[in-house]
N, C-alpha and C. Protein backbone atom coordinates (compact mmCIF):
# COMPACT_ATOMS: atom_id res chain seq x y z
N UNK A 1 86.09 -7.16 254.79
CA UNK A 1 86.88 -7.50 253.62
C UNK A 1 88.35 -7.59 254.00
N UNK A 2 89.10 -8.28 253.15
CA UNK A 2 90.55 -8.35 253.31
C UNK A 2 91.18 -7.53 252.19
N UNK A 3 92.00 -6.58 252.58
CA UNK A 3 92.55 -5.62 251.64
C UNK A 3 94.08 -5.71 251.62
N UNK A 4 94.63 -5.80 250.43
CA UNK A 4 96.07 -5.86 250.22
C UNK A 4 96.52 -4.52 249.64
N UNK A 5 97.44 -3.84 250.32
CA UNK A 5 97.93 -2.53 249.91
C UNK A 5 99.43 -2.59 249.70
N UNK A 6 99.90 -1.98 248.61
CA UNK A 6 101.34 -1.82 248.44
C UNK A 6 101.68 -0.34 248.60
N UNK A 7 102.88 -0.07 249.10
CA UNK A 7 103.26 1.32 249.37
C UNK A 7 104.76 1.50 249.24
N UNK A 8 105.14 2.75 248.99
CA UNK A 8 106.55 3.11 248.98
C UNK A 8 107.24 2.82 247.66
N UNK A 9 108.54 3.06 247.61
CA UNK A 9 109.32 2.80 246.40
C UNK A 9 109.88 1.39 246.41
N UNK A 10 110.50 1.01 245.32
CA UNK A 10 111.39 -0.15 245.33
C UNK A 10 112.80 0.33 245.07
N UNK A 11 113.75 -0.48 245.44
CA UNK A 11 115.16 -0.18 245.21
C UNK A 11 115.76 -1.30 244.38
N UNK A 12 116.34 -0.92 243.25
CA UNK A 12 116.91 -1.89 242.33
C UNK A 12 118.44 -1.78 242.39
N UNK A 13 119.13 -2.78 242.95
CA UNK A 13 120.56 -2.64 243.24
C UNK A 13 121.45 -2.54 242.01
N UNK A 14 122.41 -1.63 242.12
CA UNK A 14 123.48 -1.52 241.15
C UNK A 14 124.70 -2.28 241.64
N UNK A 15 124.94 -2.17 242.93
CA UNK A 15 125.99 -2.92 243.62
C UNK A 15 125.56 -2.99 245.09
N UNK A 16 126.36 -3.51 246.00
CA UNK A 16 125.91 -3.65 247.39
C UNK A 16 125.59 -2.34 248.10
N UNK A 17 126.03 -1.18 247.58
CA UNK A 17 125.80 0.09 248.27
C UNK A 17 124.99 1.10 247.47
N UNK A 18 124.70 0.82 246.22
CA UNK A 18 123.98 1.78 245.37
C UNK A 18 122.74 1.12 244.77
N UNK A 19 121.77 1.96 244.46
CA UNK A 19 120.55 1.43 243.87
C UNK A 19 119.85 2.51 243.06
N UNK A 20 118.91 2.07 242.21
CA UNK A 20 118.02 2.96 241.48
C UNK A 20 116.68 2.95 242.21
N UNK A 21 116.11 4.12 242.43
CA UNK A 21 114.84 4.19 243.14
C UNK A 21 114.09 5.43 242.69
N UNK A 22 113.15 5.89 243.50
CA UNK A 22 112.39 7.10 243.20
C UNK A 22 112.06 7.81 244.51
N UNK A 23 111.35 8.91 244.41
CA UNK A 23 111.12 9.78 245.57
C UNK A 23 109.88 9.41 246.39
N UNK A 24 109.27 8.30 246.13
CA UNK A 24 108.08 7.93 246.89
C UNK A 24 108.39 7.80 248.38
N UNK A 25 107.56 8.42 249.20
CA UNK A 25 107.72 8.34 250.65
C UNK A 25 106.89 7.21 251.26
N UNK A 26 105.91 6.71 250.50
CA UNK A 26 105.01 5.69 251.01
C UNK A 26 103.82 6.24 251.78
N UNK A 27 103.74 7.56 251.94
CA UNK A 27 102.70 8.16 252.78
C UNK A 27 101.28 7.87 252.28
N UNK A 28 101.09 7.87 250.95
CA UNK A 28 99.74 7.63 250.43
C UNK A 28 99.31 6.19 250.69
N UNK A 29 100.18 5.25 250.41
CA UNK A 29 99.84 3.85 250.65
C UNK A 29 99.62 3.54 252.12
N UNK A 30 100.45 4.12 252.97
CA UNK A 30 100.28 3.91 254.41
C UNK A 30 98.97 4.53 254.89
N UNK A 31 98.59 5.67 254.32
CA UNK A 31 97.33 6.29 254.68
C UNK A 31 96.15 5.41 254.25
N UNK A 32 96.24 4.80 253.07
CA UNK A 32 95.18 3.90 252.60
C UNK A 32 95.07 2.69 253.54
N UNK A 33 96.21 2.11 253.90
CA UNK A 33 96.20 0.94 254.80
C UNK A 33 95.61 1.31 256.15
N UNK A 34 95.98 2.47 256.68
CA UNK A 34 95.47 2.92 257.97
C UNK A 34 93.96 3.15 257.92
N UNK A 35 93.48 3.79 256.85
CA UNK A 35 92.05 4.06 256.71
C UNK A 35 91.25 2.77 256.60
N UNK A 36 91.77 1.80 255.85
CA UNK A 36 91.08 0.52 255.70
C UNK A 36 91.01 -0.22 257.04
N UNK A 37 92.10 -0.19 257.79
CA UNK A 37 92.12 -0.86 259.10
C UNK A 37 91.15 -0.17 260.06
N UNK A 38 91.08 1.16 260.00
CA UNK A 38 90.18 1.91 260.88
C UNK A 38 88.72 1.58 260.61
N UNK A 39 88.42 1.14 259.39
CA UNK A 39 87.05 0.77 259.04
C UNK A 39 86.75 -0.70 259.36
N UNK A 40 87.71 -1.37 259.96
CA UNK A 40 87.48 -2.74 260.40
C UNK A 40 87.88 -3.82 259.41
N UNK A 41 88.52 -3.44 258.30
CA UNK A 41 88.95 -4.43 257.33
C UNK A 41 90.26 -5.09 257.77
N UNK A 42 90.46 -6.31 257.34
CA UNK A 42 91.75 -6.96 257.54
C UNK A 42 92.71 -6.44 256.49
N UNK A 43 93.86 -5.95 256.89
CA UNK A 43 94.78 -5.28 255.97
C UNK A 43 96.16 -5.93 256.01
N UNK A 44 96.68 -6.18 254.82
CA UNK A 44 98.09 -6.56 254.66
C UNK A 44 98.76 -5.46 253.88
N UNK A 45 99.85 -4.94 254.39
CA UNK A 45 100.60 -3.87 253.75
C UNK A 45 101.94 -4.41 253.29
N UNK A 46 102.18 -4.33 251.99
CA UNK A 46 103.48 -4.71 251.43
C UNK A 46 104.23 -3.41 251.18
N UNK A 47 105.29 -3.21 251.93
CA UNK A 47 105.96 -1.91 251.93
C UNK A 47 107.38 -1.99 251.40
N UNK A 48 107.68 -1.06 250.49
CA UNK A 48 109.05 -0.84 250.10
C UNK A 48 109.76 -0.08 251.20
N UNK A 49 111.05 0.26 251.01
CA UNK A 49 111.81 0.94 252.06
C UNK A 49 111.32 2.37 252.30
N UNK A 50 110.77 2.61 253.48
CA UNK A 50 110.26 3.93 253.85
C UNK A 50 110.65 4.24 255.29
N UNK A 51 110.53 5.50 255.66
CA UNK A 51 110.81 5.94 257.03
C UNK A 51 109.50 6.25 257.74
N UNK A 52 108.58 5.29 257.73
CA UNK A 52 107.26 5.48 258.32
C UNK A 52 106.96 4.36 259.31
N UNK A 53 106.22 4.71 260.34
CA UNK A 53 105.76 3.71 261.30
C UNK A 53 104.49 3.08 260.74
N UNK A 54 104.43 1.77 260.60
CA UNK A 54 103.22 1.16 260.05
C UNK A 54 102.04 1.28 261.00
N UNK A 55 100.83 1.36 260.47
CA UNK A 55 99.64 1.42 261.32
C UNK A 55 99.56 0.17 262.19
N UNK A 56 99.03 0.32 263.39
CA UNK A 56 98.92 -0.84 264.28
C UNK A 56 97.79 -1.75 263.82
N UNK A 57 97.92 -3.01 264.13
CA UNK A 57 96.87 -3.97 263.85
C UNK A 57 96.82 -4.52 262.44
N UNK A 58 97.86 -4.26 261.65
CA UNK A 58 97.88 -4.80 260.29
C UNK A 58 99.14 -5.62 260.08
N UNK A 59 99.07 -6.53 259.13
CA UNK A 59 100.24 -7.32 258.77
C UNK A 59 101.11 -6.51 257.82
N UNK A 60 102.40 -6.42 258.11
CA UNK A 60 103.32 -5.67 257.28
C UNK A 60 104.38 -6.61 256.72
N UNK A 61 104.54 -6.57 255.41
CA UNK A 61 105.58 -7.34 254.73
C UNK A 61 106.53 -6.36 254.10
N UNK A 62 107.78 -6.40 254.50
CA UNK A 62 108.77 -5.45 253.98
C UNK A 62 109.54 -6.08 252.83
N UNK A 63 109.65 -5.31 251.75
CA UNK A 63 110.38 -5.76 250.57
C UNK A 63 111.30 -4.64 250.12
N UNK A 64 112.21 -4.95 249.23
CA UNK A 64 113.11 -3.92 248.70
C UNK A 64 112.95 -3.76 247.20
N UNK A 65 113.02 -4.85 246.45
CA UNK A 65 113.01 -4.75 244.99
C UNK A 65 111.62 -4.98 244.41
N UNK A 66 111.49 -4.63 243.13
CA UNK A 66 110.23 -4.86 242.41
C UNK A 66 109.89 -6.35 242.37
N UNK A 67 110.91 -7.18 242.19
CA UNK A 67 110.67 -8.62 242.13
C UNK A 67 110.20 -9.15 243.47
N UNK A 68 110.77 -8.66 244.56
CA UNK A 68 110.31 -9.07 245.88
C UNK A 68 108.87 -8.64 246.10
N UNK A 69 108.52 -7.44 245.64
CA UNK A 69 107.14 -6.97 245.79
C UNK A 69 106.20 -7.81 244.94
N UNK A 70 106.60 -8.14 243.73
CA UNK A 70 105.77 -8.97 242.85
C UNK A 70 105.47 -10.32 243.51
N UNK A 71 106.50 -10.95 244.05
CA UNK A 71 106.31 -12.26 244.68
C UNK A 71 105.41 -12.15 245.91
N UNK A 72 105.57 -11.08 246.69
CA UNK A 72 104.75 -10.90 247.88
C UNK A 72 103.29 -10.66 247.50
N UNK A 73 103.05 -9.87 246.46
CA UNK A 73 101.67 -9.63 246.01
C UNK A 73 101.03 -10.93 245.55
N UNK A 74 101.73 -11.70 244.77
CA UNK A 74 101.19 -12.98 244.29
C UNK A 74 100.89 -13.91 245.45
N UNK A 75 101.76 -13.92 246.43
CA UNK A 75 101.59 -14.82 247.58
C UNK A 75 100.37 -14.45 248.42
N UNK A 76 100.12 -13.14 248.58
CA UNK A 76 99.07 -12.68 249.48
C UNK A 76 97.73 -12.41 248.78
N UNK A 77 97.73 -12.29 247.47
CA UNK A 77 96.53 -11.87 246.76
C UNK A 77 95.38 -12.86 246.90
N UNK A 78 95.67 -14.14 246.90
CA UNK A 78 94.60 -15.14 246.90
C UNK A 78 93.70 -15.04 248.12
N UNK A 79 94.21 -14.54 249.23
CA UNK A 79 93.39 -14.41 250.42
C UNK A 79 92.75 -13.05 250.57
N UNK A 80 92.79 -12.21 249.53
CA UNK A 80 92.29 -10.83 249.64
C UNK A 80 91.13 -10.56 248.68
N UNK A 81 90.33 -9.57 249.03
CA UNK A 81 89.19 -9.15 248.21
C UNK A 81 89.52 -7.92 247.38
N UNK A 82 90.46 -7.11 247.85
CA UNK A 82 90.81 -5.85 247.20
C UNK A 82 92.32 -5.72 247.14
N UNK A 83 92.83 -5.26 246.00
CA UNK A 83 94.24 -4.93 245.86
C UNK A 83 94.35 -3.44 245.54
N UNK A 84 95.11 -2.72 246.35
CA UNK A 84 95.37 -1.30 246.10
C UNK A 84 96.87 -1.15 245.87
N UNK A 85 97.24 -0.91 244.62
CA UNK A 85 98.65 -0.80 244.25
C UNK A 85 99.07 0.67 244.31
N UNK A 86 99.40 1.13 245.53
CA UNK A 86 99.83 2.51 245.72
C UNK A 86 101.35 2.66 245.64
N UNK A 87 102.06 1.55 245.58
CA UNK A 87 103.52 1.61 245.53
C UNK A 87 104.01 2.24 244.23
N UNK A 88 105.15 2.91 244.32
CA UNK A 88 105.81 3.46 243.13
C UNK A 88 106.93 2.48 242.75
N UNK A 89 106.55 1.46 242.04
CA UNK A 89 107.50 0.40 241.68
C UNK A 89 108.43 0.91 240.58
N UNK A 90 109.72 0.69 240.75
CA UNK A 90 110.69 1.12 239.74
C UNK A 90 110.37 0.43 238.41
N UNK A 91 110.43 1.20 237.34
CA UNK A 91 110.15 0.64 236.01
C UNK A 91 111.36 -0.08 235.43
N UNK A 92 112.54 0.26 235.93
CA UNK A 92 113.78 -0.29 235.38
C UNK A 92 114.69 -0.77 236.49
N UNK A 93 115.56 -1.70 236.16
CA UNK A 93 116.59 -2.16 237.08
C UNK A 93 117.87 -2.40 236.28
N UNK A 94 119.02 -2.32 236.94
CA UNK A 94 120.25 -2.66 236.24
C UNK A 94 120.20 -4.10 235.74
N UNK A 95 120.68 -4.32 234.55
CA UNK A 95 120.66 -5.67 233.98
C UNK A 95 121.47 -6.63 234.83
N UNK A 96 122.50 -6.11 235.48
CA UNK A 96 123.34 -6.95 236.33
C UNK A 96 123.81 -6.13 237.52
N UNK A 97 123.61 -6.66 238.71
CA UNK A 97 124.10 -5.99 239.91
C UNK A 97 125.48 -6.53 240.24
N UNK A 98 126.42 -5.65 240.46
CA UNK A 98 127.79 -6.07 240.79
C UNK A 98 127.83 -6.67 242.19
N UNK A 99 128.66 -7.67 242.38
CA UNK A 99 128.78 -8.33 243.68
C UNK A 99 129.54 -7.47 244.68
N UNK A 100 130.40 -6.59 244.18
CA UNK A 100 131.17 -5.69 245.03
C UNK A 100 130.94 -4.25 244.60
N UNK A 101 131.25 -3.34 245.51
CA UNK A 101 131.08 -1.93 245.21
C UNK A 101 131.89 -1.56 243.98
N UNK A 102 131.22 -0.89 243.04
CA UNK A 102 131.90 -0.45 241.82
C UNK A 102 132.73 0.79 242.14
N UNK A 103 134.01 0.71 241.88
CA UNK A 103 134.89 1.84 242.15
C UNK A 103 134.74 2.90 241.07
N UNK A 104 134.87 4.15 241.47
CA UNK A 104 134.71 5.25 240.54
C UNK A 104 135.65 5.13 239.36
N UNK A 105 136.87 4.74 239.65
CA UNK A 105 137.86 4.64 238.57
C UNK A 105 137.56 3.48 237.62
N UNK A 106 136.75 2.52 238.09
CA UNK A 106 136.46 1.38 237.23
C UNK A 106 135.01 1.28 236.83
N UNK A 107 134.28 2.37 237.04
CA UNK A 107 132.84 2.35 236.74
C UNK A 107 132.60 2.19 235.25
N UNK A 108 131.62 1.43 234.85
CA UNK A 108 131.32 1.29 233.42
C UNK A 108 130.79 2.60 232.85
N UNK A 109 131.13 2.93 231.61
CA UNK A 109 130.65 4.19 231.02
C UNK A 109 129.16 4.16 230.70
N UNK A 110 128.60 2.96 230.59
CA UNK A 110 127.18 2.83 230.25
C UNK A 110 126.52 1.87 231.24
N UNK A 111 125.38 2.29 231.76
CA UNK A 111 124.61 1.44 232.66
C UNK A 111 123.46 0.85 231.86
N UNK A 112 123.45 -0.45 231.70
CA UNK A 112 122.39 -1.10 230.92
C UNK A 112 121.23 -1.45 231.84
N UNK A 113 120.03 -1.00 231.46
CA UNK A 113 118.83 -1.24 232.25
C UNK A 113 117.89 -2.19 231.54
N UNK A 114 117.14 -2.93 232.32
CA UNK A 114 116.09 -3.80 231.78
C UNK A 114 114.81 -3.51 232.55
N UNK A 115 113.65 -3.71 231.93
CA UNK A 115 112.40 -3.39 232.63
C UNK A 115 112.12 -4.36 233.78
N UNK A 116 111.51 -3.85 234.82
CA UNK A 116 111.04 -4.72 235.91
C UNK A 116 109.69 -5.29 235.51
N UNK A 117 109.25 -6.29 236.24
CA UNK A 117 107.94 -6.89 235.97
C UNK A 117 106.83 -5.89 236.28
N UNK A 118 105.79 -5.87 235.45
CA UNK A 118 104.60 -5.07 235.72
C UNK A 118 103.72 -5.90 236.64
N UNK A 119 103.66 -5.51 237.90
CA UNK A 119 102.99 -6.34 238.90
C UNK A 119 101.50 -6.49 238.60
N UNK A 120 100.84 -5.40 238.25
CA UNK A 120 99.40 -5.49 237.95
C UNK A 120 99.12 -6.38 236.74
N UNK A 121 99.96 -6.28 235.73
CA UNK A 121 99.79 -7.16 234.56
C UNK A 121 100.04 -8.61 234.97
N UNK A 122 101.01 -8.80 235.84
CA UNK A 122 101.37 -10.15 236.26
C UNK A 122 100.23 -10.84 237.02
N UNK A 123 99.52 -10.08 237.86
CA UNK A 123 98.45 -10.70 238.67
C UNK A 123 97.07 -10.56 238.03
N UNK A 124 97.00 -9.93 236.89
CA UNK A 124 95.70 -9.74 236.24
C UNK A 124 94.94 -11.05 236.04
N UNK A 125 95.60 -12.16 235.65
CA UNK A 125 94.86 -13.42 235.50
C UNK A 125 94.27 -13.93 236.82
N UNK A 126 94.74 -13.42 237.95
CA UNK A 126 94.24 -13.86 239.25
C UNK A 126 93.12 -12.96 239.78
N UNK A 127 92.73 -11.97 239.01
CA UNK A 127 91.80 -10.96 239.50
C UNK A 127 90.46 -11.54 239.92
N UNK A 128 89.84 -12.33 239.06
CA UNK A 128 88.54 -12.86 239.39
C UNK A 128 87.56 -11.75 239.74
N UNK A 129 86.89 -11.85 240.88
CA UNK A 129 85.92 -10.84 241.31
C UNK A 129 86.55 -9.81 242.25
N UNK A 130 87.84 -9.86 242.38
CA UNK A 130 88.51 -8.90 243.26
C UNK A 130 88.46 -7.50 242.66
N UNK A 131 88.52 -6.51 243.53
CA UNK A 131 88.59 -5.11 243.12
C UNK A 131 90.07 -4.73 243.03
N UNK A 132 90.48 -4.23 241.87
CA UNK A 132 91.86 -3.80 241.65
C UNK A 132 91.88 -2.27 241.49
N UNK A 133 92.69 -1.62 242.31
CA UNK A 133 92.87 -0.18 242.26
C UNK A 133 94.33 0.13 241.98
N UNK A 134 94.57 0.99 241.01
CA UNK A 134 95.94 1.38 240.68
C UNK A 134 96.16 2.87 240.89
N UNK A 135 97.41 3.26 240.88
CA UNK A 135 97.79 4.67 240.98
C UNK A 135 98.63 5.02 239.77
N UNK A 136 98.47 6.24 239.27
CA UNK A 136 99.26 6.74 238.15
C UNK A 136 99.94 8.02 238.59
N UNK A 137 101.20 7.90 238.96
CA UNK A 137 101.98 9.08 239.35
C UNK A 137 102.69 9.59 238.11
N UNK A 138 102.26 10.73 237.62
CA UNK A 138 102.78 11.28 236.38
C UNK A 138 103.29 12.71 236.59
N UNK A 139 104.01 13.23 235.62
CA UNK A 139 104.42 14.63 235.64
C UNK A 139 103.65 15.36 234.56
N UNK A 140 103.04 16.49 234.92
CA UNK A 140 102.17 17.18 233.98
C UNK A 140 100.77 16.61 234.06
N UNK A 141 100.01 16.73 232.98
CA UNK A 141 98.63 16.22 232.95
C UNK A 141 98.65 14.69 233.01
N UNK A 142 98.09 14.10 234.06
CA UNK A 142 98.23 12.65 234.24
C UNK A 142 97.11 11.80 233.64
N UNK A 143 96.05 12.43 233.13
CA UNK A 143 94.86 11.63 232.81
C UNK A 143 95.02 10.69 231.62
N UNK A 144 95.71 11.11 230.58
CA UNK A 144 95.82 10.24 229.41
C UNK A 144 96.57 8.96 229.72
N UNK A 145 97.67 9.10 230.44
CA UNK A 145 98.43 7.91 230.83
C UNK A 145 97.63 7.06 231.80
N UNK A 146 96.89 7.71 232.69
CA UNK A 146 96.06 6.98 233.64
C UNK A 146 94.97 6.18 232.91
N UNK A 147 94.37 6.76 231.89
CA UNK A 147 93.35 6.05 231.11
C UNK A 147 93.94 4.82 230.44
N UNK A 148 95.16 4.97 229.92
CA UNK A 148 95.82 3.82 229.27
C UNK A 148 96.05 2.70 230.28
N UNK A 149 96.57 3.06 231.45
CA UNK A 149 96.84 2.06 232.48
C UNK A 149 95.55 1.41 232.97
N UNK A 150 94.51 2.20 233.12
CA UNK A 150 93.21 1.69 233.57
C UNK A 150 92.73 0.57 232.66
N UNK A 151 92.86 0.77 231.36
CA UNK A 151 92.39 -0.22 230.39
C UNK A 151 93.34 -1.40 230.28
N UNK A 152 94.63 -1.12 230.11
CA UNK A 152 95.61 -2.18 229.87
C UNK A 152 95.76 -3.13 231.06
N UNK A 153 95.59 -2.60 232.25
CA UNK A 153 95.80 -3.42 233.45
C UNK A 153 94.50 -4.00 234.00
N UNK A 154 93.38 -3.69 233.36
CA UNK A 154 92.10 -4.25 233.78
C UNK A 154 91.68 -3.78 235.17
N UNK A 155 91.88 -2.50 235.46
CA UNK A 155 91.59 -1.97 236.78
C UNK A 155 90.11 -1.58 236.92
N UNK A 156 89.65 -1.55 238.15
CA UNK A 156 88.31 -1.08 238.47
C UNK A 156 88.32 0.42 238.78
N UNK A 157 89.48 0.93 239.17
CA UNK A 157 89.63 2.33 239.52
C UNK A 157 91.11 2.68 239.42
N UNK A 158 91.40 3.89 238.93
CA UNK A 158 92.77 4.37 238.97
C UNK A 158 92.78 5.77 239.57
N UNK A 159 93.79 6.01 240.38
CA UNK A 159 93.97 7.30 241.05
C UNK A 159 95.16 7.98 240.39
N UNK A 160 94.90 9.09 239.70
CA UNK A 160 95.96 9.79 238.97
C UNK A 160 96.35 11.05 239.70
N UNK A 161 97.64 11.33 239.70
CA UNK A 161 98.09 12.60 240.28
C UNK A 161 99.38 13.06 239.61
N UNK A 162 99.59 14.38 239.69
CA UNK A 162 100.75 15.03 239.09
C UNK A 162 101.82 15.16 240.17
N UNK A 163 102.86 14.33 240.09
CA UNK A 163 103.89 14.33 241.13
C UNK A 163 104.95 15.41 240.92
N UNK A 164 104.80 16.22 239.88
CA UNK A 164 105.74 17.33 239.70
C UNK A 164 105.35 18.54 240.55
N UNK A 165 104.16 18.50 241.14
CA UNK A 165 103.70 19.59 241.99
C UNK A 165 104.41 19.51 243.34
N UNK A 166 104.69 20.65 243.93
CA UNK A 166 105.35 20.66 245.24
C UNK A 166 104.39 20.33 246.38
N UNK A 167 103.09 20.49 246.14
CA UNK A 167 102.11 20.26 247.21
C UNK A 167 101.37 18.94 247.07
N UNK A 168 101.78 18.11 246.14
CA UNK A 168 101.08 16.84 245.93
C UNK A 168 102.06 15.78 245.45
N UNK A 169 101.66 14.53 245.64
CA UNK A 169 102.50 13.44 245.16
C UNK A 169 103.63 13.11 246.11
N UNK A 170 104.78 12.78 245.56
CA UNK A 170 105.91 12.30 246.34
C UNK A 170 106.33 13.29 247.43
N UNK A 171 106.60 12.74 248.60
CA UNK A 171 107.12 13.47 249.76
C UNK A 171 106.11 14.37 250.45
N UNK A 172 105.09 14.83 249.76
CA UNK A 172 104.16 15.81 250.34
C UNK A 172 103.19 15.15 251.31
N UNK A 173 102.65 15.96 252.21
CA UNK A 173 101.61 15.50 253.14
C UNK A 173 100.23 15.59 252.52
N UNK A 174 100.13 16.31 251.39
CA UNK A 174 98.85 16.51 250.72
C UNK A 174 98.90 15.90 249.32
N UNK A 175 97.72 15.77 248.72
CA UNK A 175 97.63 15.22 247.38
C UNK A 175 96.43 15.82 246.66
N UNK A 176 96.52 15.89 245.35
CA UNK A 176 95.42 16.34 244.49
C UNK A 176 95.23 15.25 243.45
N UNK A 177 94.14 14.52 243.53
CA UNK A 177 93.98 13.33 242.71
C UNK A 177 92.78 13.42 241.78
N UNK A 178 92.83 12.59 240.74
CA UNK A 178 91.72 12.43 239.81
C UNK A 178 91.38 10.94 239.79
N UNK A 179 90.14 10.61 240.03
CA UNK A 179 89.69 9.22 240.03
C UNK A 179 89.03 8.92 238.69
N UNK A 180 89.46 7.84 238.07
CA UNK A 180 88.91 7.42 236.78
C UNK A 180 88.44 5.97 236.87
N UNK A 181 87.30 5.69 236.22
CA UNK A 181 86.76 4.33 236.20
C UNK A 181 86.57 3.88 234.75
N UNK A 182 86.43 2.56 234.52
CA UNK A 182 86.32 2.05 233.15
C UNK A 182 85.11 2.57 232.38
N UNK A 183 84.06 3.00 233.06
CA UNK A 183 82.87 3.49 232.36
C UNK A 183 83.00 4.95 231.93
N UNK A 184 84.19 5.53 232.13
CA UNK A 184 84.44 6.90 231.70
C UNK A 184 84.20 7.96 232.75
N UNK A 185 83.76 7.55 233.93
CA UNK A 185 83.52 8.53 235.00
C UNK A 185 84.84 9.14 235.47
N UNK A 186 84.78 10.40 235.82
CA UNK A 186 85.95 11.12 236.30
C UNK A 186 85.55 11.99 237.48
N UNK A 187 86.37 11.96 238.52
CA UNK A 187 86.10 12.75 239.72
C UNK A 187 87.39 13.46 240.13
N UNK A 188 87.42 14.78 239.98
CA UNK A 188 88.59 15.57 240.34
C UNK A 188 88.47 16.02 241.79
N UNK A 189 89.42 15.66 242.61
CA UNK A 189 89.40 16.03 244.02
C UNK A 189 90.31 17.23 244.26
N UNK A 190 89.92 18.13 245.14
CA UNK A 190 90.79 19.27 245.46
C UNK A 190 91.97 18.83 246.31
N UNK A 191 92.91 19.73 246.49
CA UNK A 191 94.06 19.46 247.34
C UNK A 191 93.59 19.18 248.76
N UNK A 192 94.07 18.07 249.32
CA UNK A 192 93.70 17.72 250.69
C UNK A 192 94.77 16.82 251.29
N UNK A 193 94.79 16.67 252.61
CA UNK A 193 95.76 15.78 253.24
C UNK A 193 95.60 14.35 252.72
N UNK A 194 96.69 13.64 252.63
CA UNK A 194 96.64 12.26 252.14
C UNK A 194 95.77 11.37 253.01
N UNK A 195 95.71 11.66 254.28
CA UNK A 195 94.85 10.86 255.16
C UNK A 195 93.38 11.03 254.80
N UNK A 196 93.00 12.19 254.26
CA UNK A 196 91.62 12.39 253.81
C UNK A 196 91.38 11.75 252.45
N UNK A 197 92.38 11.80 251.58
CA UNK A 197 92.27 11.13 250.28
C UNK A 197 92.04 9.64 250.50
N UNK A 198 92.73 9.08 251.47
CA UNK A 198 92.65 7.63 251.73
C UNK A 198 91.29 7.19 252.21
N UNK A 199 90.58 8.06 252.89
CA UNK A 199 89.27 7.68 253.42
C UNK A 199 88.25 7.54 252.31
């Protein structure tokens, strides 16, 4: 099979030196890409800015913003059988990025934000018989929001986790996930290394 994986955060520029982002390290997405390649699948990894060495033998496309990631996913999806959206795409971006560094003395008192594109919603019409897997990184109990995303985005599987935990989610080497499917099945996994979650 050909598998398309997204990983890492996006960065939404405020000016040439500042941006809005999140704490995603990309480790979970990179682990998924590595596990898929180890099983002999053809893998394309669309990666936001991370400090990770990509797995060998896979195609890597580097992006920065949510819009760049959206365009890359649309471009590569048609040749793939599976999409795994492990990236932590920023939900918001500044309405306008300044062309020059904003000086402290001249900074605007209010930063106006606009929503970024929902990549899974955007490519949903292209799904066809492809398998779509999403991730729900939440704080606190993640299942209700994960169920909503599972239905609204037309996913075949969603992986939910509580990123407020120190031993799971962003930056951590381990993760504790809950797998949910459209038929109501739920599978709670214990804390384990992300490389094992990916397998």
